[in-house]
Amino acid sequence: MKTLLVVDDEKNIRELYKETFEKDNYKVLLAETGNEGLDLAAQNKIDLIILDIRLPDMNGMEVLERLSAGVKEVPPVILNSAYPGYEHDSSVWLAEKYLIKSGDLEELKQTIKAVIEKK
C-alpha cells in the first residue's frame, strides 16, 4: 500500500483527502504545519506528498526546499493551493506538479496515480 502525506492547514481539506484517498487504497498521513510534515516525511516512507502553500509556520515553498535538503530520497511532491500565482516561483520546479485546489478531486486523483506509477 502506497503512503500519501497531506500537509494542509485546513482541517476540512485534510479530512476530505484522507477519506477520499483511503477509499483509493492509499495510507494517508496528515500534517497541519510545515514542521509536522517535515517530521512525518523524515520518520516514514512516503510515496507522495500533497503540499499546501500557505501554512501557519512556513510556506509550502520553504517546506519543499527543506525537504529537498534534508531527506536522502525525496518523495514526489504535488503543490496543491487555493492561490494561483506561484507557478512562476523557481521553487515550484522542485515539485512534480502545481494544482489549484478544486471541489472536483478528479484531476488531483489522476495526478497522484500518474506520479506514483512513474516513480
Protein backbone atom coordinates (compact mmCIF):
# COMPACT_ATOMS: atom_id res chain seq x y z
CA MET A 1 0.00 0.00 0.00
CA LYS A 2 1.39 3.41 -1.02
CA THR A 3 1.58 6.18 1.58
CA LEU A 4 0.49 9.75 0.95
CA LEU A 5 1.34 12.67 3.22
CA VAL A 6 -1.12 15.56 3.15
CA VAL A 7 0.25 18.83 4.55
CA ASP A 8 -2.54 21.40 4.76
CA ASP A 9 -3.62 23.86 7.44
CA GLU A 10 -7.33 23.40 6.68
CA LYS A 11 -8.81 20.59 8.77
CA ASN A 12 -11.71 20.04 6.34
CA ILE A 13 -9.30 19.58 3.41
CA ARG A 14 -7.13 17.13 5.38
CA GLU A 15 -10.16 15.07 6.38
CA LEU A 16 -11.64 15.12 2.86
CA TYR A 17 -8.36 14.00 1.31
CA LYS A 18 -7.87 11.29 3.94
CA GLU A 19 -11.34 9.87 3.36
CA THR A 20 -11.09 10.13 -0.44
CA PHE A 21 -7.63 8.63 -0.83
CA GLU A 22 -8.13 5.85 1.71
CA LYS A 23 -11.04 4.71 -0.46
CA ASP A 24 -8.50 4.54 -3.30
CA ASN A 25 -6.35 2.19 -1.17
CA TYR A 26 -3.71 4.65 -0.02
CA LYS A 27 -2.43 5.01 3.52
CA VAL A 28 -2.83 8.71 4.37
CA LEU A 29 -0.80 10.64 6.95
CA LEU A 30 -1.86 14.17 7.89
CA ALA A 31 0.07 17.25 8.97
CA GLU A 32 -1.29 20.71 9.81
CA THR A 33 2.04 22.58 9.67
CA GLY A 34 5.20 22.50 7.62
CA ASN A 35 7.24 21.29 10.59
CA GLU A 36 4.80 18.42 11.23
CA GLY A 37 5.05 17.48 7.56
CA LEU A 38 8.86 17.51 7.62
CA ASP A 39 8.87 15.34 10.75
CA LEU A 40 6.45 12.81 9.23
CA ALA A 41 8.47 12.72 5.99
CA ALA A 42 11.64 12.02 7.96
CA GLN A 43 10.05 9.29 10.10
CA ASN A 44 8.04 7.41 7.46
CA LYS A 45 8.42 6.00 3.97
CA ILE A 46 6.30 8.43 1.99
CA ASP A 47 5.45 7.73 -1.64
CA LEU A 48 3.98 11.16 -2.40
CA ILE A 49 3.35 14.45 -0.61
CA ILE A 50 0.38 16.73 -1.27
CA LEU A 51 1.57 20.10 -0.01
CA ASP A 52 -0.39 23.31 0.53
CA ILE A 53 1.48 26.57 0.02
CA ARG A 54 0.00 28.67 2.83
CA LEU A 55 0.77 27.07 6.18
CA PRO A 56 0.81 28.60 9.67
CA ASP A 57 4.53 28.15 10.41
CA MET A 58 6.17 28.44 6.97
CA ASN A 59 5.06 28.38 3.38
CA GLY A 60 4.99 25.28 1.21
CA MET A 61 7.93 26.50 -0.86
CA GLU A 62 10.06 26.58 2.28
CA VAL A 63 8.88 23.07 3.19
CA LEU A 64 9.78 21.90 -0.30
CA GLU A 65 13.26 23.41 -0.10
CA ARG A 66 13.91 21.98 3.40
CA LEU A 67 12.61 18.60 2.31
CA SER A 68 14.95 18.59 -0.67
CA ALA A 69 17.88 19.48 1.60
CA GLY A 70 17.07 17.16 4.50
CA VAL A 71 15.88 13.83 3.11
CA LYS A 72 18.09 11.45 1.13
CA GLU A 73 15.30 10.20 -1.10
CA VAL A 74 12.79 12.99 -1.58
CA PRO A 75 9.30 11.73 -2.37
CA PRO A 76 7.48 13.39 -5.25
CA VAL A 77 5.51 16.48 -4.24
CA ILE A 78 2.29 17.88 -5.65
CA LEU A 79 1.82 21.51 -4.66
CA ASN A 80 -1.90 21.99 -4.05
CA SER A 81 -3.04 25.53 -3.33
CA ALA A 82 -6.11 27.70 -3.48
CA TYR A 83 -3.89 30.57 -4.62
CA PRO A 84 -2.74 30.86 -8.23
CA GLY A 85 0.35 32.86 -9.00
CA TYR A 86 3.06 30.68 -7.51
CA GLU A 87 3.66 28.90 -10.82
CA HIS A 88 6.49 31.30 -11.62
CA ASP A 89 8.37 30.82 -8.34
CA SER A 90 11.53 28.82 -9.07
CA SER A 91 10.89 26.58 -6.01
CA VAL A 92 7.85 25.15 -7.82
CA TRP A 93 10.28 23.36 -10.12
CA LEU A 94 11.18 21.04 -7.24
CA ALA A 95 7.60 19.72 -7.31
CA GLU A 96 6.14 17.23 -9.76
CA LYS A 97 3.02 19.31 -10.33
CA TYR A 98 1.29 22.50 -9.21
CA LEU A 99 -2.50 22.20 -8.94
CA ILE A 100 -5.11 24.74 -7.90
CA LYS A 101 -7.49 23.31 -5.27
CA SER A 102 -10.88 22.38 -6.61
CA GLY A 103 -14.08 20.82 -5.33
CA ASP A 104 -13.60 18.23 -8.06
CA LEU A 105 -10.78 15.95 -6.90
CA GLU A 106 -10.54 14.03 -10.18
CA GLU A 107 -7.50 15.93 -11.52
CA LEU A 108 -5.70 15.51 -8.19
CA LYS A 109 -6.54 11.79 -8.10
CA GLN A 110 -5.29 11.29 -11.68
CA THR A 111 -2.12 13.24 -10.95
CA ILE A 112 -1.39 11.17 -7.83
CA LYS A 113 -1.83 7.95 -9.78
CA ALA A 114 0.39 9.13 -12.65
CA VAL A 115 3.17 10.37 -10.35
CA ILE A 116 3.21 7.21 -8.25
CA GLU A 117 3.22 4.98 -11.33
CA LYS A 118 6.11 6.99 -12.80
CA LYS A 119 8.12 6.69 -9.60
